[in-house]
N, C-alpha and C. Protein backbone atom coordinates (compact mmCIF):
# COMPACT_ATOMS: atom_id res chain seq x y z
N UNK A 1 -11.91 45.52 28.41
CA UNK A 1 -10.71 44.73 28.57
C UNK A 1 -11.05 43.35 28.64
N UNK A 2 -12.18 43.24 29.56
CA UNK A 2 -12.39 41.62 29.53
C UNK A 2 -12.82 41.12 28.33
N UNK A 3 -13.47 41.97 27.38
CA UNK A 3 -13.77 41.76 26.04
C UNK A 3 -12.61 41.11 25.24
N UNK A 4 -11.51 42.09 25.34
CA UNK A 4 -10.30 41.78 24.56
C UNK A 4 -9.70 40.53 25.06
N UNK A 5 -9.72 40.34 26.46
CA UNK A 5 -8.92 39.26 26.95
C UNK A 5 -9.82 37.78 26.52
N UNK A 6 -11.32 38.00 26.50
CA UNK A 6 -11.85 36.80 26.24
C UNK A 6 -11.65 36.50 24.77
N UNK A 7 -11.67 37.50 23.79
CA UNK A 7 -11.45 37.41 22.46
C UNK A 7 -10.00 36.81 22.11
N UNK A 8 -9.03 37.22 23.05
CA UNK A 8 -7.71 36.45 22.67
C UNK A 8 -7.75 35.04 23.25
N UNK A 9 -8.34 34.73 24.30
CA UNK A 9 -8.35 33.34 24.62
C UNK A 9 -9.01 32.56 23.80
N UNK A 10 -10.15 33.10 23.03
CA UNK A 10 -10.86 32.08 22.18
C UNK A 10 -10.06 31.97 20.95
N UNK A 11 -9.45 33.08 20.63
CA UNK A 11 -8.49 32.88 19.27
C UNK A 11 -7.60 31.93 19.51
N UNK A 12 -6.83 32.17 20.55
CA UNK A 12 -5.52 31.08 20.96
C UNK A 12 -6.39 29.63 21.13
N UNK A 13 -7.50 29.42 21.68
CA UNK A 13 -8.02 28.07 21.75
C UNK A 13 -8.18 27.44 20.27
N UNK A 14 -8.62 28.42 19.30
CA UNK A 14 -9.06 28.01 17.95
C UNK A 14 -7.74 27.69 17.09
N UNK A 15 -6.51 28.50 17.55
CA UNK A 15 -5.44 28.21 16.52
C UNK A 15 -4.81 27.13 17.27
N UNK A 16 -4.80 26.77 18.40
CA UNK A 16 -4.30 25.44 19.07
C UNK A 16 -5.13 24.18 18.64
N UNK A 17 -6.18 24.39 18.35
CA UNK A 17 -7.02 23.30 18.03
C UNK A 17 -6.56 22.89 16.35
N UNK A 18 -6.74 24.09 15.70
CA UNK A 18 -6.17 23.95 14.07
C UNK A 18 -4.84 23.27 14.31
N UNK A 19 -3.75 23.84 14.78
CA UNK A 19 -2.59 23.23 14.78
C UNK A 19 -2.41 21.68 15.46
N UNK A 20 -3.17 21.44 16.14
CA UNK A 20 -3.35 20.01 16.96
C UNK A 20 -3.86 19.16 15.68
N UNK A 21 -5.10 19.52 15.03
CA UNK A 21 -5.53 18.71 14.14
C UNK A 21 -4.80 18.54 12.89
N UNK A 22 -3.81 19.54 12.65
CA UNK A 22 -2.85 19.51 11.38
C UNK A 22 -1.66 18.52 11.69
N UNK A 23 -1.34 17.75 13.03
CA UNK A 23 0.05 17.27 13.14
C UNK A 23 0.06 16.23 11.93
N UNK A 24 1.24 15.78 11.81
CA UNK A 24 1.48 14.66 10.68
C UNK A 24 1.71 13.61 11.71
N UNK A 25 1.73 12.30 10.95
CA UNK A 25 2.26 11.36 11.60
C UNK A 25 3.65 11.04 11.93
N UNK A 26 4.51 11.96 11.45
CA UNK A 26 5.87 11.88 11.71
C UNK A 26 6.32 12.46 12.93
N UNK A 27 5.32 13.31 13.51
CA UNK A 27 5.64 14.02 14.75
C UNK A 27 5.39 13.08 15.78
N UNK A 28 6.28 13.04 17.03
CA UNK A 28 6.32 12.09 18.07
C UNK A 28 5.02 12.13 18.70
N UNK A 29 4.54 11.08 19.20
CA UNK A 29 3.40 10.93 19.92
C UNK A 29 3.35 11.46 21.31
N UNK A 30 2.48 11.71 21.84
CA UNK A 30 2.30 12.11 23.44
C UNK A 30 2.20 10.64 24.17
N UNK A 31 2.60 10.47 25.26
CA UNK A 31 2.33 9.24 25.93
C UNK A 31 0.95 8.62 25.89
N UNK A 32 -0.15 9.61 25.92
CA UNK A 32 -1.59 9.28 25.94
C UNK A 32 -1.68 8.80 24.28
N UNK A 33 -1.21 9.35 23.42
CA UNK A 33 -1.42 9.06 22.03
C UNK A 33 -0.80 7.71 21.88
N UNK A 34 0.13 7.33 22.48
CA UNK A 34 0.97 6.18 22.38
C UNK A 34 0.22 4.97 22.88
N UNK A 35 -0.54 5.49 24.07
CA UNK A 35 -0.97 4.29 24.95
C UNK A 35 -2.29 3.99 24.26
N UNK A 36 -3.19 4.86 23.58
CA UNK A 36 -4.40 4.60 22.79
C UNK A 36 -4.03 3.78 21.62
N UNK A 37 -2.91 4.16 20.96
CA UNK A 37 -2.45 3.42 19.61
C UNK A 37 -2.18 1.89 20.00
N UNK A 38 -1.42 1.75 21.32
CA UNK A 38 -1.01 0.22 21.74
C UNK A 38 -2.20 -0.33 21.98
N UNK A 39 -3.16 0.33 22.46
CA UNK A 39 -4.72 -0.31 22.76
C UNK A 39 -5.42 -0.80 21.61
N UNK A 40 -5.39 0.03 20.82
CA UNK A 40 -6.10 -0.25 19.55
C UNK A 40 -5.71 -1.34 18.81
N UNK A 41 -4.19 -1.29 18.80
CA UNK A 41 -3.54 -2.31 17.98
C UNK A 41 -3.83 -3.79 18.61
N UNK A 42 -4.02 -3.88 19.87
CA UNK A 42 -4.10 -5.08 20.48
C UNK A 42 -5.47 -5.70 20.62
N UNK A 43 -6.79 -4.53 20.17
CA UNK A 43 -7.85 -5.16 20.18
C UNK A 43 -8.08 -5.20 18.61
N UNK A 44 -8.59 -6.24 17.94
CA UNK A 44 -8.91 -6.50 16.69
C UNK A 44 -10.22 -5.81 16.16
N UNK A 45 -10.28 -5.25 15.20
CA UNK A 45 -11.32 -4.55 14.55
C UNK A 45 -12.39 -5.57 14.34
N UNK A 46 -13.63 -5.29 14.22
CA UNK A 46 -14.80 -6.25 13.83
C UNK A 46 -14.47 -7.15 12.76
N UNK A 47 -14.01 -6.46 11.68
CA UNK A 47 -13.41 -7.03 10.51
C UNK A 47 -12.19 -8.35 10.78
N UNK A 48 -11.41 -7.85 11.61
CA UNK A 48 -10.36 -8.93 12.00
C UNK A 48 -10.87 -9.75 12.72
N UNK A 49 -11.89 -9.84 13.68
CA UNK A 49 -12.24 -10.71 14.76
C UNK A 49 -13.31 -11.75 13.91
N UNK A 50 -13.56 -11.42 12.51
CA UNK A 50 -14.08 -12.51 11.63
C UNK A 50 -13.19 -13.27 10.88
N UNK A 51 -11.93 -12.81 10.78
CA UNK A 51 -10.94 -13.20 10.16
C UNK A 51 -9.69 -14.26 10.91
N UNK A 52 -9.51 -13.58 11.88
CA UNK A 52 -8.64 -14.15 12.86
C UNK A 52 -8.94 -15.45 13.36
N UNK A 53 -8.46 -16.77 13.41
CA UNK A 53 -8.79 -17.85 13.96
C UNK A 53 -8.02 -18.12 15.37
N UNK A 54 -8.60 -18.70 16.36
CA UNK A 54 -8.22 -18.78 17.49
C UNK A 54 -7.44 -19.91 17.81
N UNK A 55 -7.68 -20.95 16.71
CA UNK A 55 -6.79 -22.22 17.03
C UNK A 55 -6.51 -22.57 15.39
N UNK A 56 -5.36 -23.18 15.46
CA UNK A 56 -4.63 -23.49 13.95
C UNK A 56 -5.54 -24.49 13.43
N UNK A 57 -5.69 -24.48 12.05
CA UNK A 57 -6.51 -25.71 11.28
C UNK A 57 -5.54 -26.60 11.16
N UNK A 58 -6.16 -27.64 11.03
CA UNK A 58 -5.38 -29.01 10.55
C UNK A 58 -5.14 -29.23 9.24
N UNK A 59 -4.04 -29.75 8.83
CA UNK A 59 -4.01 -30.12 7.50
C UNK A 59 -3.05 -28.85 6.65
N UNK A 60 -2.49 -27.85 7.36
CA UNK A 60 -2.02 -26.83 6.65
C UNK A 60 -0.77 -27.68 5.74
N UNK A 61 -0.40 -27.04 4.50
CA UNK A 61 0.84 -27.40 3.67
C UNK A 61 1.78 -26.34 3.72
N UNK A 62 2.84 -26.49 3.60
CA UNK A 62 3.99 -25.51 3.29
C UNK A 62 3.80 -24.86 1.98
N UNK A 63 4.32 -23.85 1.80
CA UNK A 63 4.11 -23.02 0.68
C UNK A 63 4.50 -23.83 -0.65
N UNK A 64 5.66 -24.57 -0.60
CA UNK A 64 6.26 -25.07 -1.83
C UNK A 64 5.33 -26.24 -2.14
N UNK A 65 4.78 -27.11 -1.15
CA UNK A 65 3.84 -28.20 -1.38
C UNK A 65 2.77 -27.69 -1.84
N UNK A 66 2.01 -26.51 -1.49
CA UNK A 66 0.66 -26.01 -1.80
C UNK A 66 1.10 -25.67 -3.32
N UNK A 67 2.23 -24.93 -3.77
CA UNK A 67 2.28 -24.55 -4.92
C UNK A 67 2.28 -25.70 -5.97
N UNK A 68 3.00 -26.91 -5.39
CA UNK A 68 2.95 -27.86 -6.22
C UNK A 68 1.45 -28.74 -6.42
N UNK A 69 0.87 -28.62 -5.52
CA UNK A 69 -0.41 -29.58 -5.38
C UNK A 69 -1.66 -28.71 -5.43
N UNK A 70 -1.81 -27.45 -5.21
CA UNK A 70 -2.87 -26.93 -5.28
C UNK A 70 -3.69 -26.51 -6.81
N UNK A 71 -5.08 -26.87 -6.74
CA UNK A 71 -5.71 -26.53 -7.92
C UNK A 71 -6.40 -25.07 -8.19
N UNK A 72 -6.67 -24.66 -9.05
CA UNK A 72 -7.16 -23.28 -8.95
C UNK A 72 -8.42 -23.24 -8.45
N UNK A 73 -8.85 -22.44 -7.45
CA UNK A 73 -10.25 -22.38 -6.96
C UNK A 73 -10.55 -23.68 -5.94
N UNK A 74 -9.26 -24.19 -5.51
CA UNK A 74 -9.68 -25.28 -4.41
C UNK A 74 -9.39 -24.59 -3.05
N UNK A 75 -10.03 -25.01 -2.04
CA UNK A 75 -9.84 -24.68 -0.58
C UNK A 75 -8.69 -25.24 -0.21
N UNK A 76 -7.78 -24.40 0.32
CA UNK A 76 -6.37 -24.78 0.75
C UNK A 76 -6.22 -24.09 2.16
N UNK A 77 -5.24 -24.78 2.82
CA UNK A 77 -4.80 -24.33 4.08
C UNK A 77 -3.19 -24.29 4.03
N UNK A 78 -2.63 -22.94 4.07
CA UNK A 78 -1.18 -22.87 3.46
C UNK A 78 -0.36 -22.27 4.85
N UNK A 79 0.69 -22.56 5.38
CA UNK A 79 1.54 -22.14 6.37
C UNK A 79 2.87 -21.49 5.58
N UNK A 80 3.27 -20.21 6.45
CA UNK A 80 4.65 -19.69 5.78
C UNK A 80 4.74 -18.35 6.66
N UNK A 81 5.80 -18.03 6.47
CA UNK A 81 6.39 -16.68 7.13
C UNK A 81 6.33 -15.66 6.28
N UNK A 82 5.85 -14.43 6.91
CA UNK A 82 5.70 -13.22 6.17
C UNK A 82 7.20 -12.70 5.82
N UNK A 83 7.18 -12.58 4.51
CA UNK A 83 8.43 -12.03 3.98
C UNK A 83 8.63 -12.38 2.38
N UNK A 84 9.83 -12.36 1.84
CA UNK A 84 10.21 -12.88 0.66
C UNK A 84 10.67 -11.60 -0.17
N UNK A 85 10.67 -10.27 0.52
CA UNK A 85 11.29 -9.36 -0.21
C UNK A 85 11.20 -8.08 0.75
N UNK A 86 12.07 -6.91 0.25
CA UNK A 86 12.16 -5.69 1.31
C UNK A 86 10.77 -5.37 2.02
N UNK A 87 10.00 -5.29 1.01
CA UNK A 87 8.60 -5.10 1.67
C UNK A 87 7.31 -6.09 1.09
N UNK A 88 7.11 -7.17 1.80
CA UNK A 88 6.34 -8.05 1.53
C UNK A 88 4.94 -7.68 1.66
N UNK A 89 4.55 -6.52 1.95
CA UNK A 89 3.03 -5.92 2.01
C UNK A 89 2.70 -5.12 0.85
N UNK A 90 1.50 -5.36 0.70
CA UNK A 90 0.88 -4.24 -0.35
C UNK A 90 0.22 -3.19 0.61
N UNK A 91 0.79 -2.24 0.27
CA UNK A 91 0.24 -0.97 1.26
C UNK A 91 -1.38 -0.65 1.13
N UNK A 92 -1.97 -0.38 2.24
CA UNK A 92 -3.18 0.18 2.13
C UNK A 92 -4.14 -1.17 1.81
N UNK A 93 -3.63 -2.40 1.87
CA UNK A 93 -4.66 -3.64 1.45
C UNK A 93 -4.25 -4.69 2.46
N UNK A 94 -4.99 -5.67 2.69
CA UNK A 94 -4.89 -6.56 3.49
C UNK A 94 -4.22 -7.85 2.56
N UNK A 95 -3.11 -7.53 2.11
CA UNK A 95 -2.02 -8.45 1.34
C UNK A 95 -0.77 -8.67 1.77
N UNK A 96 -0.16 -9.77 1.60
CA UNK A 96 1.41 -9.98 1.79
C UNK A 96 1.87 -11.19 1.24
N UNK A 97 3.06 -11.41 1.33
CA UNK A 97 3.75 -12.48 0.82
C UNK A 97 4.11 -13.24 1.93
N UNK A 98 4.08 -14.78 1.66
CA UNK A 98 4.87 -15.67 2.62
C UNK A 98 5.87 -16.68 2.02
N UNK A 99 6.56 -17.16 2.93
CA UNK A 99 7.75 -17.84 2.32
C UNK A 99 7.72 -19.14 3.10
N UNK A 100 7.94 -20.22 2.12
CA UNK A 100 8.16 -21.64 2.83
C UNK A 100 8.90 -21.49 4.09
N UNK A 101 8.62 -22.55 5.22
CA UNK A 101 9.54 -22.39 6.49
C UNK A 101 10.73 -23.40 6.30
N UNK A 102 10.89 -23.79 5.07
CA UNK A 102 12.29 -24.57 4.99
C UNK A 102 13.44 -23.77 4.62
N UNK A 103 13.04 -22.30 4.02
CA UNK A 103 13.83 -21.43 3.67
C UNK A 103 14.46 -20.75 4.94
N UNK A 104 15.50 -20.10 5.11
CA UNK A 104 16.21 -19.51 6.27
C UNK A 104 16.09 -18.02 5.93
N UNK A 105 15.68 -17.24 6.75
CA UNK A 105 15.87 -15.69 6.81
C UNK A 105 17.11 -15.49 7.45
N UNK A 106 17.49 -14.20 6.91
CA UNK A 106 18.87 -13.65 7.25
C UNK A 106 19.11 -13.83 8.76
N UNK A 107 18.08 -13.61 9.53
CA UNK A 107 18.10 -13.59 10.90
C UNK A 107 18.30 -15.05 11.63
N UNK A 108 18.07 -16.11 10.74
CA UNK A 108 18.20 -17.53 11.28
C UNK A 108 19.69 -18.00 10.99
N UNK A 109 20.49 -17.00 10.31
CA UNK A 109 21.91 -17.63 10.14
C UNK A 109 22.80 -16.69 10.97
N UNK A 110 23.42 -17.53 12.05
CA UNK A 110 24.27 -16.93 12.94
C UNK A 110 25.39 -15.94 12.29
N UNK A 111 25.48 -14.91 12.88
CA UNK A 111 26.33 -13.86 12.59
C UNK A 111 25.97 -12.97 11.28
N UNK A 112 24.74 -13.10 10.69
CA UNK A 112 24.42 -12.43 9.53
C UNK A 112 23.59 -11.15 10.27
N UNK A 113 23.98 -9.88 9.59
CA UNK A 113 23.67 -8.73 10.43
C UNK A 113 22.58 -7.95 9.45
N UNK A 114 21.90 -8.63 8.37
CA UNK A 114 21.08 -7.97 7.50
C UNK A 114 19.98 -7.24 8.43
N UNK A 115 19.70 -5.93 7.68
CA UNK A 115 18.87 -5.14 8.32
C UNK A 115 17.27 -5.45 7.87
N UNK A 116 17.13 -6.23 6.95
CA UNK A 116 15.67 -6.69 6.65
C UNK A 116 15.90 -8.08 6.34
N UNK A 117 15.81 -8.88 7.64
CA UNK A 117 16.05 -10.37 7.48
C UNK A 117 14.92 -11.01 6.70
N UNK A 118 13.67 -10.45 6.51
CA UNK A 118 12.55 -10.95 5.89
C UNK A 118 12.64 -11.02 4.37
N UNK A 119 13.56 -10.53 4.13
CA UNK A 119 13.80 -10.42 2.44
C UNK A 119 14.48 -11.71 1.83
N UNK A 120 14.99 -12.44 2.76
CA UNK A 120 15.63 -13.74 2.60
C UNK A 120 16.65 -13.82 1.30
N UNK A 121 17.35 -12.54 1.64
CA UNK A 121 18.55 -12.29 0.43
C UNK A 121 19.51 -13.41 0.53
N UNK A 122 19.56 -14.31 1.36
CA UNK A 122 20.47 -15.51 1.32
C UNK A 122 19.96 -16.66 0.57
N UNK A 123 18.60 -16.62 0.45
CA UNK A 123 17.89 -17.64 -0.39
C UNK A 123 17.25 -17.23 -1.77
N UNK A 124 17.84 -16.15 -2.43
CA UNK A 124 17.16 -15.56 -3.49
C UNK A 124 16.88 -16.67 -4.52
N UNK A 125 17.70 -17.62 -4.69
CA UNK A 125 17.71 -18.51 -5.86
C UNK A 125 16.55 -19.63 -5.79
N UNK A 126 16.10 -19.73 -4.35
CA UNK A 126 15.02 -20.64 -4.09
C UNK A 126 13.63 -19.92 -3.97
N UNK A 127 13.52 -18.38 -3.88
CA UNK A 127 12.51 -17.84 -3.54
C UNK A 127 11.33 -17.86 -4.53
N UNK A 128 11.67 -18.03 -5.70
CA UNK A 128 10.76 -18.19 -6.82
C UNK A 128 9.58 -19.15 -6.72
N UNK A 129 10.09 -20.39 -6.02
CA UNK A 129 9.30 -21.51 -6.15
C UNK A 129 8.68 -21.82 -4.48
N UNK A 130 9.14 -20.69 -3.64
CA UNK A 130 8.85 -20.89 -2.32
C UNK A 130 8.06 -19.79 -1.58
N UNK A 131 7.27 -18.85 -2.73
CA UNK A 131 6.45 -18.06 -2.03
C UNK A 131 5.12 -18.00 -2.72
N UNK A 132 4.22 -17.50 -1.94
CA UNK A 132 2.93 -17.33 -2.11
C UNK A 132 2.37 -15.85 -1.86
N UNK A 133 1.46 -15.43 -2.58
CA UNK A 133 0.80 -14.19 -2.18
C UNK A 133 -0.54 -14.61 -1.56
N UNK A 134 -0.82 -13.83 -0.30
CA UNK A 134 -2.00 -13.83 0.40
C UNK A 134 -2.76 -12.61 0.24
N UNK A 135 -4.12 -12.74 -0.11
CA UNK A 135 -4.92 -11.57 -0.18
C UNK A 135 -6.02 -11.91 0.88
N UNK A 136 -6.17 -11.19 1.88
CA UNK A 136 -7.29 -11.21 2.89
C UNK A 136 -8.48 -10.74 2.42
N UNK A 137 -9.47 -11.70 2.30
CA UNK A 137 -11.00 -10.94 1.57
C UNK A 137 -11.96 -11.12 2.62
N UNK A 138 -13.02 -10.30 2.23
CA UNK A 138 -14.08 -10.44 3.34
C UNK A 138 -15.30 -11.54 2.81
N UNK A 139 -16.19 -11.60 3.35
CA UNK A 139 -17.25 -12.68 2.83
C UNK A 139 -17.81 -12.68 1.65
N UNK A 140 -17.68 -11.61 1.06
CA UNK A 140 -17.97 -11.62 -0.42
C UNK A 140 -16.82 -11.87 -1.33
N UNK A 141 -15.71 -12.15 -0.73
CA UNK A 141 -14.45 -12.44 -1.59
C UNK A 141 -13.68 -11.25 -2.07
N UNK A 142 -13.90 -10.19 -1.54
CA UNK A 142 -13.51 -8.74 -1.85
C UNK A 142 -12.02 -8.45 -1.29
N UNK A 143 -11.13 -8.00 -1.43
CA UNK A 143 -10.00 -7.74 -0.94
C UNK A 143 -10.18 -6.67 -0.02
N UNK A 144 -9.79 -6.72 1.15
CA UNK A 144 -10.07 -5.92 2.16
C UNK A 144 -9.09 -4.73 2.02
N UNK A 145 -9.72 -3.63 2.14
CA UNK A 145 -8.77 -2.33 1.69
C UNK A 145 -8.47 -1.78 2.99
N UNK A 146 -7.73 -2.57 3.88
CA UNK A 146 -6.91 -1.95 5.08
C UNK A 146 -5.76 -2.74 5.15
N UNK A 147 -4.62 -2.07 5.71
CA UNK A 147 -3.37 -2.65 5.67
C UNK A 147 -3.26 -3.79 6.71
N UNK A 148 -2.72 -4.92 6.31
CA UNK A 148 -2.87 -6.08 6.92
C UNK A 148 -1.97 -6.11 8.33
N UNK A 149 -0.92 -5.04 8.26
CA UNK A 149 -0.24 -4.79 9.62
C UNK A 149 -1.15 -4.16 10.47
N UNK A 150 -2.09 -3.43 10.01
CA UNK A 150 -2.96 -2.82 11.16
C UNK A 150 -4.23 -3.74 11.36
N UNK A 151 -4.86 -4.33 10.45
CA UNK A 151 -5.98 -4.88 10.35
C UNK A 151 -5.63 -6.03 11.28
N UNK A 152 -4.73 -6.91 11.15
CA UNK A 152 -4.43 -8.35 11.76
C UNK A 152 -3.17 -8.19 12.82
N UNK A 153 -2.69 -7.06 13.07
CA UNK A 153 -1.58 -6.81 13.74
C UNK A 153 -0.38 -7.86 13.54
N UNK A 154 -0.01 -7.86 12.31
CA UNK A 154 1.05 -8.74 11.81
C UNK A 154 2.41 -8.02 11.60
N UNK A 155 3.45 -8.54 11.65
CA UNK A 155 4.74 -7.98 11.07
C UNK A 155 5.64 -9.01 10.35
N UNK A 156 6.68 -8.77 9.90
CA UNK A 156 7.81 -9.33 9.12
C UNK A 156 8.20 -10.47 9.88
N UNK A 157 8.26 -11.83 9.30
CA UNK A 157 8.74 -13.07 9.89
C UNK A 157 7.65 -13.85 10.67
N UNK A 158 6.67 -13.48 10.98
CA UNK A 158 5.58 -14.03 11.67
C UNK A 158 5.19 -15.23 10.80
N UNK A 159 4.89 -16.34 11.59
CA UNK A 159 4.33 -17.64 10.85
C UNK A 159 2.73 -17.74 10.96
N UNK A 160 2.25 -17.71 9.73
CA UNK A 160 0.75 -17.46 9.69
C UNK A 160 0.41 -18.83 8.95
N UNK A 161 -1.01 -19.13 9.30
CA UNK A 161 -1.42 -20.31 8.67
C UNK A 161 -2.97 -19.62 8.21
N UNK A 162 -3.00 -19.82 6.60
CA UNK A 162 -4.05 -18.80 5.92
C UNK A 162 -5.01 -20.01 5.39
N UNK A 163 -6.15 -19.72 5.62
CA UNK A 163 -7.48 -20.71 4.88
C UNK A 163 -8.08 -19.72 3.93
N UNK A 164 -8.47 -20.57 2.60
CA UNK A 164 -9.00 -19.77 1.58
C UNK A 164 -9.12 -20.59 0.43
N UNK A 165 -9.15 -19.83 -0.66
CA UNK A 165 -9.35 -20.31 -1.99
C UNK A 165 -7.85 -20.06 -2.85
N UNK A 166 -7.48 -21.03 -3.59
CA UNK A 166 -6.28 -20.80 -4.31
C UNK A 166 -6.61 -20.32 -5.74
N UNK A 167 -5.72 -19.65 -6.14
CA UNK A 167 -5.66 -19.16 -7.38
C UNK A 167 -4.32 -19.10 -7.98
N UNK A 168 -4.47 -19.88 -9.31
CA UNK A 168 -3.15 -20.12 -9.92
C UNK A 168 -3.19 -19.21 -11.17
N UNK A 169 -1.88 -18.87 -11.57
CA UNK A 169 -1.61 -17.99 -12.85
C UNK A 169 -0.90 -18.85 -13.69
N UNK A 170 -0.67 -18.60 -14.84
CA UNK A 170 0.05 -19.27 -15.90
C UNK A 170 1.52 -19.70 -15.75
N UNK A 171 1.96 -18.91 -14.91
CA UNK A 171 3.46 -19.34 -14.38
C UNK A 171 3.69 -20.16 -13.23
N UNK A 172 2.60 -20.50 -12.54
CA UNK A 172 2.48 -21.55 -11.49
C UNK A 172 2.47 -20.78 -10.20
N UNK A 173 2.45 -19.51 -10.33
CA UNK A 173 2.38 -18.56 -9.06
C UNK A 173 1.23 -19.11 -8.10
N UNK A 174 1.17 -18.99 -6.82
CA UNK A 174 0.06 -19.24 -6.07
C UNK A 174 -0.43 -17.84 -5.24
N UNK A 175 -1.62 -17.63 -5.49
CA UNK A 175 -2.41 -16.71 -4.50
C UNK A 175 -3.66 -17.31 -3.50
N UNK A 176 -3.49 -16.98 -2.38
CA UNK A 176 -4.37 -17.61 -1.42
C UNK A 176 -5.28 -16.38 -1.29
N UNK A 177 -6.63 -16.70 -1.54
CA UNK A 177 -7.66 -15.58 -1.27
C UNK A 177 -7.99 -15.85 0.27
N UNK A 178 -7.70 -15.61 1.36
CA UNK A 178 -7.85 -16.09 2.47
C UNK A 178 -8.87 -15.25 3.17
N UNK A 179 -9.84 -16.23 4.00
CA UNK A 179 -10.97 -15.42 4.65
C UNK A 179 -10.79 -15.88 5.96
N UNK A 180 -9.71 -16.61 6.25
CA UNK A 180 -9.16 -16.90 7.65
C UNK A 180 -7.91 -16.92 7.97
N UNK A 181 -7.13 -16.46 9.15
CA UNK A 181 -5.79 -16.38 9.46
C UNK A 181 -5.63 -16.75 10.69
N UNK A 182 -4.41 -17.62 10.84
CA UNK A 182 -4.15 -18.16 12.20
C UNK A 182 -2.70 -17.47 12.49
N UNK A 183 -2.42 -16.93 13.59
CA UNK A 183 -1.05 -16.25 13.65
C UNK A 183 -0.33 -17.26 14.61
N UNK A 184 0.86 -17.96 14.37
CA UNK A 184 1.32 -19.02 15.48
C UNK A 184 2.52 -17.87 16.40
N UNK A 185 2.28 -18.41 17.62
CA UNK A 185 3.04 -17.46 18.69
C UNK A 185 4.50 -18.01 18.57
């Protein structure tokens, strides 16, 4: 009898472990899971601590000015708000788009109830010349393969100052290969 009871308990423990390991991210977190997730989001990873600046660098140009004056491979400091589309992020990569601060997000317009104000849908005619792509790179210049939201604890409409190398394409678009990021409060 004891052997049967022990076997049943052991089997139950194995099943519970297997079920627990197979939980999907869509299931609600327990309070302990939520607390550990909040703590890990607040603490930058080792990679992030090398990228996040504690003070804002001088000489930042707004996105429009940087698009007009930056030369290919030139060191630049650019400031803008995260947004410019419904999804300004490149999933699974430390990359996102920023918009010139002169443009108004929908949330900046009194009475506008836009569900995704970071898409700047009220400024679509101005967006093409007022956005830049930011790719956060490591010391070797390689794009970091971790979502910027998680790596740098970023969200839509935050104002960031990025420092790195400019890359221009034939259409005049600007990409900043940023090795440092400052987040304005």
